[in-house]
């Protein structure tokens, strides 16, 4: 069973770092829910290193910021 604390720690770290870089992003931006789902899916697939999950989450957010990508789902 997946440890929810690992996913929560990775999510918090990635979202905090993203918002430090993108200060105009609101705390409750829709990308937040997308990031949380993304990290939980990766954790459920077996990735249990919070650092790796956070980095993957930041990469995911960067992809969402690319033109043509949708973060509203």
PDB file of N, CA and C in Angstrom:
ATOM      1  N   UNK A   1       0.850  -1.193   0.000  1.00  0.00           N
ATOM      2  CA  UNK A   1       0.000   0.000   0.000  1.00  0.00           C
ATOM      3  C   UNK A   1       0.885   1.241   0.000  1.00  0.00           C
ATOM      4  N   UNK A   2       0.483   2.231  -0.743  1.00  0.00           N
ATOM      5  CA  UNK A   2       1.245   3.469  -0.881  1.00  0.00           C
ATOM      6  C   UNK A   2       1.177   4.294   0.402  1.00  0.00           C
ATOM      7  N   UNK A   3       2.316   4.868   0.769  1.00  0.00           N
ATOM      8  CA  UNK A   3       2.388   5.727   1.951  1.00  0.00           C
ATOM      9  C   UNK A   3       1.930   7.135   1.565  1.00  0.00           C
ATOM     10  N   UNK A   4       0.786   7.586   2.082  1.00  0.00           N
ATOM     11  CA  UNK A   4       0.275   8.905   1.694  1.00  0.00           C
ATOM     12  C   UNK A   4       1.181  10.052   2.137  1.00  0.00           C
ATOM     13  N   UNK A   5       1.993   9.831   3.176  1.00  0.00           N
ATOM     14  CA  UNK A   5       2.883  10.896   3.633  1.00  0.00           C
ATOM     15  C   UNK A   5       3.950  11.224   2.601  1.00  0.00           C
ATOM     16  N   UNK A   6       4.414  10.216   1.869  1.00  0.00           N
ATOM     17  CA  UNK A   6       5.414  10.444   0.824  1.00  0.00           C
ATOM     18  C   UNK A   6       4.829  11.331  -0.264  1.00  0.00           C
ATOM     19  N   UNK A   7       3.626  11.011  -0.712  1.00  0.00           N
ATOM     20  CA  UNK A   7       2.975  11.808  -1.752  1.00  0.00           C
ATOM     21  C   UNK A   7       2.678  13.213  -1.247  1.00  0.00           C
ATOM     22  N   UNK A   8       2.225  13.327  -0.014  1.00  0.00           N
ATOM     23  CA  UNK A   8       1.912  14.649   0.549  1.00  0.00           C
ATOM     24  C   UNK A   8       3.158  15.513   0.664  1.00  0.00           C
ATOM     25  N   UNK A   9       4.250  14.914   1.125  1.00  0.00           N
ATOM     26  CA  UNK A   9       5.505  15.664   1.264  1.00  0.00           C
ATOM     27  C   UNK A   9       6.009  16.125  -0.099  1.00  0.00           C
ATOM     28  N   UNK A  10       5.941  15.231  -1.087  1.00  0.00           N
ATOM     29  CA  UNK A  10       6.403  15.583  -2.429  1.00  0.00           C
ATOM     30  C   UNK A  10       5.522  16.672  -3.030  1.00  0.00           C
ATOM     31  N   UNK A  11       4.212  16.541  -2.843  1.00  0.00           N
ATOM     32  CA  UNK A  11       3.286  17.548  -3.364  1.00  0.00           C
ATOM     33  C   UNK A  11       3.569  18.913  -2.744  1.00  0.00           C
ATOM     34  N   UNK A  12       3.697  18.951  -1.426  1.00  0.00           N
ATOM     35  CA  UNK A  12       3.939  20.219  -0.731  1.00  0.00           C
ATOM     36  C   UNK A  12       5.235  20.864  -1.210  1.00  0.00           C
ATOM     37  N   UNK A  13       6.265  20.065  -1.358  1.00  0.00           N
ATOM     38  CA  UNK A  13       7.557  20.595  -1.797  1.00  0.00           C
ATOM     39  C   UNK A  13       7.461  21.134  -3.233  1.00  0.00           C
ATOM     40  N   UNK A  14       6.859  20.364  -4.117  1.00  0.00           N
ATOM     41  CA  UNK A  14       6.770  20.786  -5.518  1.00  0.00           C
ATOM     42  C   UNK A  14       5.893  22.028  -5.675  1.00  0.00           C
ATOM     43  N   UNK A  15       4.741  22.045  -5.016  1.00  0.00           N
ATOM     44  CA  UNK A  15       3.826  23.177  -5.146  1.00  0.00           C
ATOM     45  C   UNK A  15       4.450  24.437  -4.551  1.00  0.00           C
ATOM     46  N   UNK A  16       5.122  24.313  -3.431  1.00  0.00           N
ATOM     47  CA  UNK A  16       5.781  25.472  -2.808  1.00  0.00           C
ATOM     48  C   UNK A  16       6.875  26.027  -3.711  1.00  0.00           C
ATOM     49  N   UNK A  17       7.689  25.143  -4.275  1.00  0.00           N
ATOM     50  CA  UNK A  17       8.767  25.588  -5.160  1.00  0.00           C
ATOM     51  C   UNK A  17       8.192  26.250  -6.412  1.00  0.00           C
ATOM     52  N   UNK A  18       7.151  25.657  -6.968  1.00  0.00           N
ATOM     53  CA  UNK A  18       6.527  26.218  -8.161  1.00  0.00           C
ATOM     54  C   UNK A  18       5.991  27.619  -7.884  1.00  0.00           C
ATOM     55  N   UNK A  19       5.358  27.796  -6.742  1.00  0.00           N
ATOM     56  CA  UNK A  19       4.796  29.102  -6.409  1.00  0.00           C
ATOM     57  C   UNK A  19       5.874  30.129  -6.074  1.00  0.00           C
ATOM     58  N   UNK A  20       7.023  29.688  -5.588  1.00  0.00           N
ATOM     59  CA  UNK A  20       8.134  30.620  -5.372  1.00  0.00           C
ATOM     60  C   UNK A  20       8.647  31.149  -6.710  1.00  0.00           C
ATOM     61  N   UNK A  21       8.668  30.270  -7.705  1.00  0.00           N
ATOM     62  CA  UNK A  21       9.141  30.658  -9.031  1.00  0.00           C
ATOM     63  C   UNK A  21       8.077  31.470  -9.765  1.00  0.00           C
ATOM     64  N   UNK A  22       6.825  31.116  -9.557  1.00  0.00           N
ATOM     65  CA  UNK A  22       5.692  31.740 -10.253  1.00  0.00           C
ATOM     66  C   UNK A  22       4.798  32.425  -9.224  1.00  0.00           C
ATOM     67  N   UNK A  23       5.239  33.554  -8.751  1.00  0.00           N
ATOM     68  CA  UNK A  23       4.562  34.222  -7.643  1.00  0.00           C
ATOM     69  C   UNK A  23       3.174  34.741  -7.982  1.00  0.00           C
ATOM     70  N   UNK A  24       2.850  34.795  -9.260  1.00  0.00           N
ATOM     71  CA  UNK A  24       1.519  35.258  -9.654  1.00  0.00           C
ATOM     72  C   UNK A  24       0.473  34.135  -9.614  1.00  0.00           C
ATOM     73  N   UNK A  25       0.901  32.905  -9.338  1.00  0.00           N
ATOM     74  CA  UNK A  25      -0.014  31.767  -9.281  1.00  0.00           C
ATOM     75  C   UNK A  25      -0.673  31.726  -7.906  1.00  0.00           C
ATOM     76  N   UNK A  26      -1.992  31.667  -7.911  1.00  0.00           N
ATOM     77  CA  UNK A  26      -2.778  31.612  -6.675  1.00  0.00           C
ATOM     78  C   UNK A  26      -2.602  30.256  -5.986  1.00  0.00           C
ATOM     79  N   UNK A  27      -2.663  30.258  -4.680  1.00  0.00           N
ATOM     80  CA  UNK A  27      -2.529  29.031  -3.886  1.00  0.00           C
ATOM     81  C   UNK A  27      -3.524  27.955  -4.329  1.00  0.00           C
ATOM     82  N   UNK A  28      -4.716  28.352  -4.727  1.00  0.00           N
ATOM     83  CA  UNK A  28      -5.760  27.398  -5.103  1.00  0.00           C
ATOM     84  C   UNK A  28      -5.946  27.287  -6.615  1.00  0.00           C
ATOM     85  N   UNK A  29      -4.905  27.580  -7.367  1.00  0.00           N
ATOM     86  CA  UNK A  29      -4.934  27.466  -8.816  1.00  0.00           C
ATOM     87  C   UNK A  29      -5.292  26.021  -9.212  1.00  0.00           C
ATOM     88  N   UNK A  30      -5.956  25.858 -10.341  1.00  0.00           N
ATOM     89  CA  UNK A  30      -6.377  24.527 -10.801  1.00  0.00           C
ATOM     90  C   UNK A  30      -5.194  23.587 -11.027  1.00  0.00           C
ATOM     91  N   UNK A  31      -4.018  24.136 -11.305  1.00  0.00           N
ATOM     92  CA  UNK A  31      -2.833  23.287 -11.489  1.00  0.00           C
ATOM     93  C   UNK A  31      -2.491  22.529 -10.212  1.00  0.00           C
ATOM     94  N   UNK A  32      -2.909  23.065  -9.079  1.00  0.00           N
ATOM     95  CA  UNK A  32      -2.649  22.410  -7.798  1.00  0.00           C
ATOM     96  C   UNK A  32      -3.284  21.018  -7.769  1.00  0.00           C
ATOM     97  N   UNK A  33      -4.542  20.920  -8.165  1.00  0.00           N
ATOM     98  CA  UNK A  33      -5.232  19.625  -8.174  1.00  0.00           C
ATOM     99  C   UNK A  33      -4.602  18.679  -9.200  1.00  0.00           C
ATOM    100  N   UNK A  34      -4.210  19.220 -10.345  1.00  0.00           N
ATOM    101  CA  UNK A  34      -3.552  18.392 -11.365  1.00  0.00           C
ATOM    102  C   UNK A  34      -2.235  17.838 -10.841  1.00  0.00           C
ATOM    103  N   UNK A  35      -1.477  18.676 -10.155  1.00  0.00           N
ATOM    104  CA  UNK A  35      -0.206  18.238  -9.579  1.00  0.00           C
ATOM    105  C   UNK A  35      -0.435  17.160  -8.528  1.00  0.00           C
ATOM    106  N   UNK A  36      -1.410  17.361  -7.680  1.00  0.00           N
ATOM    107  CA  UNK A  36      -1.672  16.379  -6.623  1.00  0.00           C
ATOM    108  C   UNK A  36      -2.036  15.020  -7.229  1.00  0.00           C
ATOM    109  N   UNK A  37      -2.894  15.024  -8.238  1.00  0.00           N
ATOM    110  CA  UNK A  37      -3.258  13.770  -8.919  1.00  0.00           C
ATOM    111  C   UNK A  37      -2.037  13.117  -9.547  1.00  0.00           C
ATOM    112  N   UNK A  38      -1.223  13.932 -10.223  1.00  0.00           N
ATOM    113  CA  UNK A  38      -0.029  13.427 -10.890  1.00  0.00           C
ATOM    114  C   UNK A  38       0.902  12.744  -9.890  1.00  0.00           C
ATOM    115  N   UNK A  39       1.178  13.407  -8.792  1.00  0.00           N
ATOM    116  CA  UNK A  39       2.100  12.850  -7.791  1.00  0.00           C
ATOM    117  C   UNK A  39       1.512  11.582  -7.168  1.00  0.00           C
ATOM    118  N   UNK A  40       0.248  11.591  -6.842  1.00  0.00           N
ATOM    119  CA  UNK A  40      -0.372  10.393  -6.250  1.00  0.00           C
ATOM    120  C   UNK A  40      -0.348   9.219  -7.231  1.00  0.00           C
ATOM    121  N   UNK A  41      -0.558   9.484  -8.509  1.00  0.00           N
ATOM    122  CA  UNK A  41      -0.487   8.413  -9.505  1.00  0.00           C
ATOM    123  C   UNK A  41       0.922   7.832  -9.574  1.00  0.00           C
ATOM    124  N   UNK A  42       1.923   8.702  -9.544  1.00  0.00           N
ATOM    125  CA  UNK A  42       3.310   8.221  -9.577  1.00  0.00           C
ATOM    126  C   UNK A  42       3.625   7.426  -8.315  1.00  0.00           C
ATOM    127  N   UNK A  43       3.150   7.900  -7.171  1.00  0.00           N
ATOM    128  CA  UNK A  43       3.382   7.182  -5.914  1.00  0.00           C
ATOM    129  C   UNK A  43       2.704   5.822  -5.946  1.00  0.00           C
ATOM    130  N   UNK A  44       1.491   5.785  -6.448  1.00  0.00           N
ATOM    131  CA  UNK A  44       0.761   4.518  -6.533  1.00  0.00           C
ATOM    132  C   UNK A  44       1.412   3.548  -7.517  1.00  0.00           C
ATOM    133  N   UNK A  45       2.175   4.071  -8.468  1.00  0.00           N
ATOM    134  CA  UNK A  45       2.864   3.207  -9.429  1.00  0.00           C
ATOM    135  C   UNK A  45       4.173   2.660  -8.871  1.00  0.00           C
ATOM    136  N   UNK A  46       4.530   3.096  -7.654  1.00  0.00           N
ATOM    137  CA  UNK A  46       5.696   2.506  -7.008  1.00  0.00           C
ATOM    138  C   UNK A  46       6.851   3.442  -6.708  1.00  0.00           C
ATOM    139  N   UNK A  47       6.791   4.668  -7.130  1.00  0.00           N
ATOM    140  CA  UNK A  47       7.867   5.616  -6.814  1.00  0.00           C
ATOM    141  C   UNK A  47       7.670   6.070  -5.375  1.00  0.00           C
ATOM    142  N   UNK A  48       8.659   5.802  -4.534  1.00  0.00           N
ATOM    143  CA  UNK A  48       8.479   6.116  -3.114  1.00  0.00           C
ATOM    144  C   UNK A  48       9.497   7.103  -2.563  1.00  0.00           C
ATOM    145  N   UNK A  49      10.263   7.728  -3.440  1.00  0.00           N
ATOM    146  CA  UNK A  49      11.237   8.735  -3.028  1.00  0.00           C
ATOM    147  C   UNK A  49      10.592  10.116  -3.164  1.00  0.00           C
ATOM    148  N   UNK A  50      10.380  10.826  -2.045  1.00  0.00           N
ATOM    149  CA  UNK A  50       9.714  12.126  -2.118  1.00  0.00           C
ATOM    150  C   UNK A  50      10.462  13.144  -2.981  1.00  0.00           C
ATOM    151  N   UNK A  51      11.788  13.069  -3.001  1.00  0.00           N
ATOM    152  CA  UNK A  51      12.572  13.991  -3.840  1.00  0.00           C
ATOM    153  C   UNK A  51      12.290  13.737  -5.325  1.00  0.00           C
ATOM    154  N   UNK A  52      12.293  12.471  -5.712  1.00  0.00           N
ATOM    155  CA  UNK A  52      12.030  12.129  -7.106  1.00  0.00           C
ATOM    156  C   UNK A  52      10.612  12.527  -7.502  1.00  0.00           C
ATOM    157  N   UNK A  53       9.669  12.314  -6.607  1.00  0.00           N
ATOM    158  CA  UNK A  53       8.288  12.700  -6.884  1.00  0.00           C
ATOM    159  C   UNK A  53       8.148  14.210  -7.027  1.00  0.00           C
ATOM    160  N   UNK A  54       8.823  14.961  -6.163  1.00  0.00           N
ATOM    161  CA  UNK A  54       8.748  16.426  -6.231  1.00  0.00           C
ATOM    162  C   UNK A  54       9.353  16.941  -7.535  1.00  0.00           C
ATOM    163  N   UNK A  55      10.490  16.387  -7.925  1.00  0.00           N
ATOM    164  CA  UNK A  55      11.126  16.808  -9.184  1.00  0.00           C
ATOM    165  C   UNK A  55      10.232  16.456 -10.369  1.00  0.00           C
ATOM    166  N   UNK A  56       9.663  15.253 -10.358  1.00  0.00           N
ATOM    167  CA  UNK A  56       8.744  14.864 -11.426  1.00  0.00           C
ATOM    168  C   UNK A  56       7.538  15.811 -11.460  1.00  0.00           C
ATOM    169  N   UNK A  57       7.061  16.198 -10.285  1.00  0.00           N
ATOM    170  CA  UNK A  57       5.943  17.125 -10.205  1.00  0.00           C
ATOM    171  C   UNK A  57       6.279  18.490 -10.785  1.00  0.00           C
ATOM    172  N   UNK A  58       7.467  18.981 -10.505  1.00  0.00           N
ATOM    173  CA  UNK A  58       7.887  20.270 -11.069  1.00  0.00           C
ATOM    174  C   UNK A  58       8.016  20.192 -12.588  1.00  0.00           C
ATOM    175  N   UNK A  59       8.534  19.079 -13.080  1.00  0.00           N
ATOM    176  CA  UNK A  59       8.618  18.897 -14.531  1.00  0.00           C
ATOM    177  C   UNK A  59       7.215  18.868 -15.142  1.00  0.00           C
ATOM    178  N   UNK A  60       6.307  18.199 -14.462  1.00  0.00           N
ATOM    179  CA  UNK A  60       4.925  18.136 -14.915  1.00  0.00           C
ATOM    180  C   UNK A  60       4.327  19.540 -15.001  1.00  0.00           C
ATOM    181  N   UNK A  61       4.514  20.335 -13.968  1.00  0.00           N
ATOM    182  CA  UNK A  61       3.989  21.700 -13.967  1.00  0.00           C
ATOM    183  C   UNK A  61       4.611  22.533 -15.088  1.00  0.00           C
ATOM    184  N   UNK A  62       5.894  22.338 -15.321  1.00  0.00           N
ATOM    185  CA  UNK A  62       6.558  23.073 -16.402  1.00  0.00           C
ATOM    186  C   UNK A  62       5.942  22.707 -17.744  1.00  0.00           C
ATOM    187  N   UNK A  63       5.635  21.429 -17.933  1.00  0.00           N
ATOM    188  CA  UNK A  63       4.986  21.010 -19.174  1.00  0.00           C
ATOM    189  C   UNK A  63       3.617  21.652 -19.316  1.00  0.00           C
ATOM    190  N   UNK A  64       2.887  21.756 -18.211  1.00  0.00           N
ATOM    191  CA  UNK A  64       1.564  22.374 -18.260  1.00  0.00           C
ATOM    192  C   UNK A  64       1.643  23.835 -18.676  1.00  0.00           C
ATOM    193  N   UNK A  65       2.755  24.477 -18.368  1.00  0.00           N
ATOM    194  CA  UNK A  65       2.919  25.891 -18.701  1.00  0.00           C
ATOM    195  C   UNK A  65       3.274  26.114 -20.179  1.00  0.00           C
ATOM    196  N   UNK A  66       3.563  25.021 -20.908  1.00  0.00           N
ATOM    197  CA  UNK A  66       3.912  25.154 -22.319  1.00  0.00           C
ATOM    198  C   UNK A  66       2.662  25.490 -23.123  1.00  0.00           C
ATOM    199  N   UNK A  67       2.822  26.302 -24.161  1.00  0.00           N
ATOM    200  CA  UNK A  67       1.679  26.634 -25.020  1.00  0.00           C
ATOM    201  C   UNK A  67       1.018  25.362 -25.565  1.00  0.00           C
ATOM    202  N   UNK A  68      -0.292  25.368 -25.555  1.00  0.00           N
ATOM    203  CA  UNK A  68      -1.043  24.233 -26.080  1.00  0.00           C
ATOM    204  C   UNK A  68      -1.348  23.164 -25.070  1.00  0.00           C
ATOM    205  N   UNK A  69      -0.758  23.219 -23.883  1.00  0.00           N
ATOM    206  CA  UNK A  69      -1.030  22.235 -22.840  1.00  0.00           C
ATOM    207  C   UNK A  69      -2.204  22.734 -21.990  1.00  0.00           C
ATOM    208  N   UNK A  70      -3.045  21.816 -21.583  1.00  0.00           N
ATOM    209  CA  UNK A  70      -4.188  22.183 -20.763  1.00  0.00           C
ATOM    210  C   UNK A  70      -4.043  21.593 -19.374  1.00  0.00           C
ATOM    211  N   UNK A  71      -4.216  22.402 -18.363  1.00  0.00           N
ATOM    212  CA  UNK A  71      -4.174  21.918 -16.984  1.00  0.00           C
ATOM    213  C   UNK A  71      -5.565  21.872 -16.389  1.00  0.00           C
ATOM    214  N   UNK A  72      -6.529  22.228 -17.182  1.00  0.00           N
ATOM    215  CA  UNK A  72      -7.930  22.154 -16.707  1.00  0.00           C
ATOM    216  C   UNK A  72      -8.518  20.860 -17.217  1.00  0.00           C
ATOM    217  N   UNK A  73      -8.739  19.920 -16.312  1.00  0.00           N
ATOM    218  CA  UNK A  73      -9.349  18.657 -16.743  1.00  0.00           C
ATOM    219  C   UNK A  73     -10.439  18.224 -15.811  1.00  0.00           C
TER     220      UNK A  73
END
